[in-house]
PDB file of N, CA and C in Angstrom:
ATOM      1  N   MET A   1      95.258  94.374 109.018  1.00  0.00           N
ATOM      2  CA  MET A   1      95.967  93.344 108.271  1.00  0.00           C
ATOM      3  C   MET A   1      96.130  93.805 106.825  1.00  0.00           C
ATOM      4  N   THR A   2      97.346  93.735 106.339  1.00  0.00           N
ATOM      5  CA  THR A   2      97.620  94.117 104.964  1.00  0.00           C
ATOM      6  C   THR A   2      98.132  92.919 104.197  1.00  0.00           C
ATOM      7  N   VAL A   3      97.477  92.631 103.102  1.00  0.00           N
ATOM      8  CA  VAL A   3      97.896  91.530 102.239  1.00  0.00           C
ATOM      9  C   VAL A   3      98.664  92.128 101.081  1.00  0.00           C
ATOM     10  N   ASN A   4      99.825  91.557 100.811  1.00  0.00           N
ATOM     11  CA  ASN A   4     100.643  92.000  99.692  1.00  0.00           C
ATOM     12  C   ASN A   4      99.885  91.723  98.389  1.00  0.00           C
ATOM     13  N   PRO A   5      99.651  92.750  97.556  1.00  0.00           N
ATOM     14  CA  PRO A   5      98.879  92.552  96.323  1.00  0.00           C
ATOM     15  C   PRO A   5      99.506  91.529  95.372  1.00  0.00           C
ATOM     16  N   ILE A   6     100.825  91.483  95.329  1.00  0.00           N
ATOM     17  CA  ILE A   6     101.501  90.519  94.452  1.00  0.00           C
ATOM     18  C   ILE A   6     101.265  89.103  94.966  1.00  0.00           C
ATOM     19  N   GLU A   7     101.370  88.942  96.273  1.00  0.00           N
ATOM     20  CA  GLU A   7     101.107  87.648  96.907  1.00  0.00           C
ATOM     21  C   GLU A   7      99.653  87.230  96.648  1.00  0.00           C
ATOM     22  N   LEU A   8      98.745  88.169  96.784  1.00  0.00           N
ATOM     23  CA  LEU A   8      97.324  87.909  96.562  1.00  0.00           C
ATOM     24  C   LEU A   8      97.092  87.408  95.140  1.00  0.00           C
ATOM     25  N   GLN A   9      97.604  88.127  94.163  1.00  0.00           N
ATOM     26  CA  GLN A   9      97.370  87.749  92.764  1.00  0.00           C
ATOM     27  C   GLN A   9      98.052  86.430  92.399  1.00  0.00           C
ATOM     28  N   LYS A  10      99.189  86.156  93.046  1.00  0.00           N
ATOM     29  CA  LYS A  10      99.872  84.885  92.809  1.00  0.00           C
ATOM     30  C   LYS A  10      98.952  83.718  93.161  1.00  0.00           C
ATOM     31  N   HIS A  11      98.180  83.874  94.208  1.00  0.00           N
ATOM     32  CA  HIS A  11      97.292  82.803  94.655  1.00  0.00           C
ATOM     33  C   HIS A  11      95.957  82.788  93.914  1.00  0.00           C
ATOM     34  N   LEU A  12      95.742  83.776  93.050  1.00  0.00           N
ATOM     35  CA  LEU A  12      94.501  83.824  92.280  1.00  0.00           C
ATOM     36  C   LEU A  12      94.740  83.487  90.805  1.00  0.00           C
ATOM     37  N   GLY A  13      95.902  82.910  90.518  1.00  0.00           N
ATOM     38  CA  GLY A  13      96.214  82.520  89.150  1.00  0.00           C
ATOM     39  C   GLY A  13      95.192  81.524  88.615  1.00  0.00           C
ATOM     40  N   GLY A  14      94.787  81.703  87.364  1.00  0.00           N
ATOM     41  CA  GLY A  14      93.852  80.789  86.736  1.00  0.00           C
ATOM     42  C   GLY A  14      92.387  81.104  86.968  1.00  0.00           C
ATOM     43  N   VAL A  15      92.099  82.188  87.692  1.00  0.00           N
ATOM     44  CA  VAL A  15      90.707  82.554  87.950  1.00  0.00           C
ATOM     45  C   VAL A  15      90.121  83.183  86.690  1.00  0.00           C
ATOM     46  N   ASP A  16      88.924  82.745  86.317  1.00  0.00           N
ATOM     47  CA  ASP A  16      88.200  83.364  85.208  1.00  0.00           C
ATOM     48  C   ASP A  16      87.294  84.441  85.778  1.00  0.00           C
ATOM     49  N   TYR A  17      87.447  85.660  85.263  1.00  0.00           N
ATOM     50  CA  TYR A  17      86.626  86.780  85.725  1.00  0.00           C
ATOM     51  C   TYR A  17      85.484  87.014  84.762  1.00  0.00           C
ATOM     52  N   PRO A  18      84.313  87.459  85.239  1.00  0.00           N
ATOM     53  CA  PRO A  18      84.011  87.791  86.633  1.00  0.00           C
ATOM     54  C   PRO A  18      83.997  86.549  87.520  1.00  0.00           C
ATOM     55  N   ALA A  19      84.381  86.760  88.785  1.00  0.00           N
ATOM     56  CA  ALA A  19      84.467  85.665  89.748  1.00  0.00           C
ATOM     57  C   ALA A  19      83.797  86.084  91.053  1.00  0.00           C
ATOM     58  N   SER A  20      83.107  85.139  91.673  1.00  0.00           N
ATOM     59  CA  SER A  20      82.470  85.410  92.962  1.00  0.00           C
ATOM     60  C   SER A  20      83.501  85.293  94.080  1.00  0.00           C
ATOM     61  N   ARG A  21      83.133  85.767  95.253  1.00  0.00           N
ATOM     62  CA  ARG A  21      84.007  85.629  96.419  1.00  0.00           C
ATOM     63  C   ARG A  21      84.359  84.158  96.633  1.00  0.00           C
ATOM     64  N   ASP A  22      83.360  83.283  96.542  1.00  0.00           N
ATOM     65  CA  ASP A  22      83.612  81.859  96.765  1.00  0.00           C
ATOM     66  C   ASP A  22      84.565  81.277  95.723  1.00  0.00           C
ATOM     67  N   ASP A  23      84.453  81.744  94.469  1.00  0.00           N
ATOM     68  CA  ASP A  23      85.390  81.303  93.424  1.00  0.00           C
ATOM     69  C   ASP A  23      86.817  81.707  93.781  1.00  0.00           C
ATOM     70  N   LEU A  24      86.963  82.929  94.294  1.00  0.00           N
ATOM     71  CA  LEU A  24      88.292  83.436  94.650  1.00  0.00           C
ATOM     72  C   LEU A  24      88.888  82.644  95.809  1.00  0.00           C
ATOM     73  N   VAL A  25      88.079  82.379  96.830  1.00  0.00           N
ATOM     74  CA  VAL A  25      88.547  81.613  97.986  1.00  0.00           C
ATOM     75  C   VAL A  25      88.956  80.210  97.538  1.00  0.00           C
ATOM     76  N   SER A  26      88.133  79.605  96.713  1.00  0.00           N
ATOM     77  CA  SER A  26      88.405  78.256  96.225  1.00  0.00           C
ATOM     78  C   SER A  26      89.714  78.210  95.438  1.00  0.00           C
ATOM     79  N   ALA A  27      89.913  79.174  94.546  1.00  0.00           N
ATOM     80  CA  ALA A  27      91.134  79.234  93.745  1.00  0.00           C
ATOM     81  C   ALA A  27      92.356  79.440  94.636  1.00  0.00           C
ATOM     82  N   ALA A  28      92.241  80.331  95.615  1.00  0.00           N
ATOM     83  CA  ALA A  28      93.364  80.605  96.509  1.00  0.00           C
ATOM     84  C   ALA A  28      93.729  79.362  97.313  1.00  0.00           C
ATOM     85  N   GLU A  29      92.714  78.618  97.764  1.00  0.00           N
ATOM     86  CA  GLU A  29      92.987  77.376  98.507  1.00  0.00           C
ATOM     87  C   GLU A  29      93.733  76.378  97.627  1.00  0.00           C
ATOM     88  N   LYS A  30      93.294  76.227  96.378  1.00  0.00           N
ATOM     89  CA  LYS A  30      93.949  75.296  95.442  1.00  0.00           C
ATOM     90  C   LYS A  30      95.387  75.720  95.164  1.00  0.00           C
ATOM     91  N   ASN A  31      95.635  77.030  95.191  1.00  0.00           N
ATOM     92  CA  ASN A  31      96.969  77.553  94.881  1.00  0.00           C
ATOM     93  C   ASN A  31      97.846  77.707  96.121  1.00  0.00           C
ATOM     94  N   GLY A  32      97.392  77.157  97.242  1.00  0.00           N
ATOM     95  CA  GLY A  32      98.238  77.117  98.432  1.00  0.00           C
ATOM     96  C   GLY A  32      98.347  78.409  99.214  1.00  0.00           C
ATOM     97  N   ALA A  33      97.320  79.242  99.154  1.00  0.00           N
ATOM     98  CA  ALA A  33      97.356  80.514  99.881  1.00  0.00           C
ATOM     99  C   ALA A  33      97.376  80.281 101.389  1.00  0.00           C
ATOM    100  N   GLY A  34      98.048  81.183 102.096  1.00  0.00           N
ATOM    101  CA  GLY A  34      98.104  81.119 103.546  1.00  0.00           C
ATOM    102  C   GLY A  34      96.849  81.703 104.178  1.00  0.00           C
ATOM    103  N   ASP A  35      96.770  81.586 105.495  1.00  0.00           N
ATOM    104  CA  ASP A  35      95.596  82.053 106.234  1.00  0.00           C
ATOM    105  C   ASP A  35      95.327  83.537 106.027  1.00  0.00           C
ATOM    106  N   GLU A  36      96.377  84.340 105.931  1.00  0.00           N
ATOM    107  CA  GLU A  36      96.189  85.790 105.794  1.00  0.00           C
ATOM    108  C   GLU A  36      95.439  86.115 104.501  1.00  0.00           C
ATOM    109  N   VAL A  37      95.851  85.488 103.406  1.00  0.00           N
ATOM    110  CA  VAL A  37      95.201  85.715 102.116  1.00  0.00           C
ATOM    111  C   VAL A  37      93.780  85.161 102.139  1.00  0.00           C
ATOM    112  N   LEU A  38      93.615  83.957 102.660  1.00  0.00           N
ATOM    113  CA  LEU A  38      92.283  83.341 102.709  1.00  0.00           C
ATOM    114  C   LEU A  38      91.333  84.157 103.573  1.00  0.00           C
ATOM    115  N   ASP A  39      91.804  84.616 104.717  1.00  0.00           N
ATOM    116  CA  ASP A  39      90.954  85.428 105.598  1.00  0.00           C
ATOM    117  C   ASP A  39      90.534  86.726 104.916  1.00  0.00           C
ATOM    118  N   ALA A  40      91.468  87.340 104.187  1.00  0.00           N
ATOM    119  CA  ALA A  40      91.144  88.583 103.477  1.00  0.00           C
ATOM    120  C   ALA A  40      90.075  88.333 102.420  1.00  0.00           C
ATOM    121  N   LEU A  41      90.210  87.242 101.685  1.00  0.00           N
ATOM    122  CA  LEU A  41      89.223  86.933 100.644  1.00  0.00           C
ATOM    123  C   LEU A  41      87.869  86.570 101.244  1.00  0.00           C
ATOM    124  N   LYS A  42      87.888  85.817 102.327  1.00  0.00           N
ATOM    125  CA  LYS A  42      86.628  85.428 102.976  1.00  0.00           C
ATOM    126  C   LYS A  42      85.902  86.637 103.557  1.00  0.00           C
ATOM    127  N   GLY A  43      86.650  87.715 103.828  1.00  0.00           N
ATOM    128  CA  GLY A  43      86.058  88.923 104.372  1.00  0.00           C
ATOM    129  C   GLY A  43      85.480  89.862 103.321  1.00  0.00           C
ATOM    130  N   LEU A  44      85.618  89.501 102.052  1.00  0.00           N
ATOM    131  CA  LEU A  44      85.079  90.345 100.979  1.00  0.00           C
ATOM    132  C   LEU A  44      83.562  90.235 100.931  1.00  0.00           C
ATOM    133  N   PRO A  45      82.913  91.272 100.398  1.00  0.00           N
ATOM    134  CA  PRO A  45      81.450  91.180 100.231  1.00  0.00           C
ATOM    135  C   PRO A  45      81.102  90.096  99.212  1.00  0.00           C
ATOM    136  N   GLU A  46      79.917  89.531  99.355  1.00  0.00           N
ATOM    137  CA  GLU A  46      79.483  88.490  98.424  1.00  0.00           C
ATOM    138  C   GLU A  46      78.993  89.173  97.155  1.00  0.00           C
ATOM    139  N   GLN A  47      79.877  89.244  96.192  1.00  0.00           N
ATOM    140  CA  GLN A  47      79.584  89.902  94.914  1.00  0.00           C
ATOM    141  C   GLN A  47      80.514  89.320  93.873  1.00  0.00           C
ATOM    142  N   ASP A  48      80.296  89.690  92.617  1.00  0.00           N
ATOM    143  CA  ASP A  48      81.199  89.275  91.555  1.00  0.00           C
ATOM    144  C   ASP A  48      82.251  90.362  91.353  1.00  0.00           C
ATOM    145  N   PHE A  49      83.472  89.923  91.173  1.00  0.00           N
ATOM    146  CA  PHE A  49      84.583  90.831  90.917  1.00  0.00           C
ATOM    147  C   PHE A  49      84.960  90.674  89.457  1.00  0.00           C
ATOM    148  N   ASP A  50      85.060  91.803  88.741  1.00  0.00           N
ATOM    149  CA  ASP A  50      85.229  91.724  87.297  1.00  0.00           C
ATOM    150  C   ASP A  50      86.677  91.651  86.821  1.00  0.00           C
ATOM    151  N   ALA A  51      87.634  91.844  87.721  1.00  0.00           N
ATOM    152  CA  ALA A  51      89.043  91.829  87.321  1.00  0.00           C
ATOM    153  C   ALA A  51      89.930  91.677  88.551  1.00  0.00           C
ATOM    154  N   PRO A  52      91.167  91.231  88.346  1.00  0.00           N
ATOM    155  CA  PRO A  52      92.095  91.119  89.480  1.00  0.00           C
ATOM    156  C   PRO A  52      92.261  92.429  90.246  1.00  0.00           C
ATOM    157  N   THR A  53      92.246  93.550  89.537  1.00  0.00           N
ATOM    158  CA  THR A  53      92.408  94.838  90.211  1.00  0.00           C
ATOM    159  C   THR A  53      91.243  95.114  91.169  1.00  0.00           C
ATOM    160  N   ALA A  54      90.047  94.665  90.797  1.00  0.00           N
ATOM    161  CA  ALA A  54      88.881  94.868  91.674  1.00  0.00           C
ATOM    162  C   ALA A  54      89.054  94.094  92.982  1.00  0.00           C
ATOM    163  N   VAL A  55      89.649  92.920  92.888  1.00  0.00           N
ATOM    164  CA  VAL A  55      89.888  92.105  94.096  1.00  0.00           C
ATOM    165  C   VAL A  55      90.926  92.789  94.965  1.00  0.00           C
ATOM    166  N   THR A  56      92.007  93.239  94.353  1.00  0.00           N
ATOM    167  CA  THR A  56      93.066  93.914  95.112  1.00  0.00           C
ATOM    168  C   THR A  56      92.518  95.154  95.815  1.00  0.00           C
ATOM    169  N   GLN A  57      91.712  95.939  95.105  1.00  0.00           N
ATOM    170  CA  GLN A  57      91.132  97.149  95.712  1.00  0.00           C
ATOM    171  C   GLN A  57      90.201  96.796  96.873  1.00  0.00           C
ATOM    172  N   ALA A  58      89.396  95.761  96.694  1.00  0.00           N
ATOM    173  CA  ALA A  58      88.462  95.367  97.766  1.00  0.00           C
ATOM    174  C   ALA A  58      89.212  94.872  98.994  1.00  0.00           C
ATOM    175  N   VAL A  59      90.263  94.100  98.782  1.00  0.00           N
ATOM    176  CA  VAL A  59      91.047  93.571  99.904  1.00  0.00           C
ATOM    177  C   VAL A  59      91.761  94.695 100.650  1.00  0.00           C
ATOM    178  N   SER A  60      92.269  95.672  99.889  1.00  0.00           N
ATOM    179  CA  SER A  60      93.011  96.774 100.521  1.00  0.00           C
ATOM    180  C   SER A  60      92.080  97.843 101.084  1.00  0.00           C
ATOM    181  N   GLY A  61      90.781  97.711 100.838  1.00  0.00           N
ATOM    182  CA  GLY A  61      89.823  98.656 101.393  1.00  0.00           C
ATOM    183  C   GLY A  61      89.701  99.960 100.645  1.00  0.00           C
ATOM    184  N   GLU A  62      90.131  99.970  99.405  1.00  0.00           N
ATOM    185  CA  GLU A  62      90.048 101.201  98.605  1.00  0.00           C
ATOM    186  C   GLU A  62      88.641 101.407  98.072  1.00  0.00           C
TER     187      GLU A  62
END
C-alpha cells in the first residue's frame, strides 16, 4: 500500500511536532483522512516524530 505523501500531509495539517503516533492518527481523523491514510498511520511504530518529513519517511518505509 502506498500513501501519497501530499495526501498524507494534507491530513496532518495543524499537528504540532514532535508528535506521537496517536497524535497523528487523531489529527488525521479530525481532518477527514480516508482509511488508507489512517491505516498507514496506525501501522507506524509508537514513537515521537519530529517533523512531517519523518512521518512521510516512516509511512513510505524509508
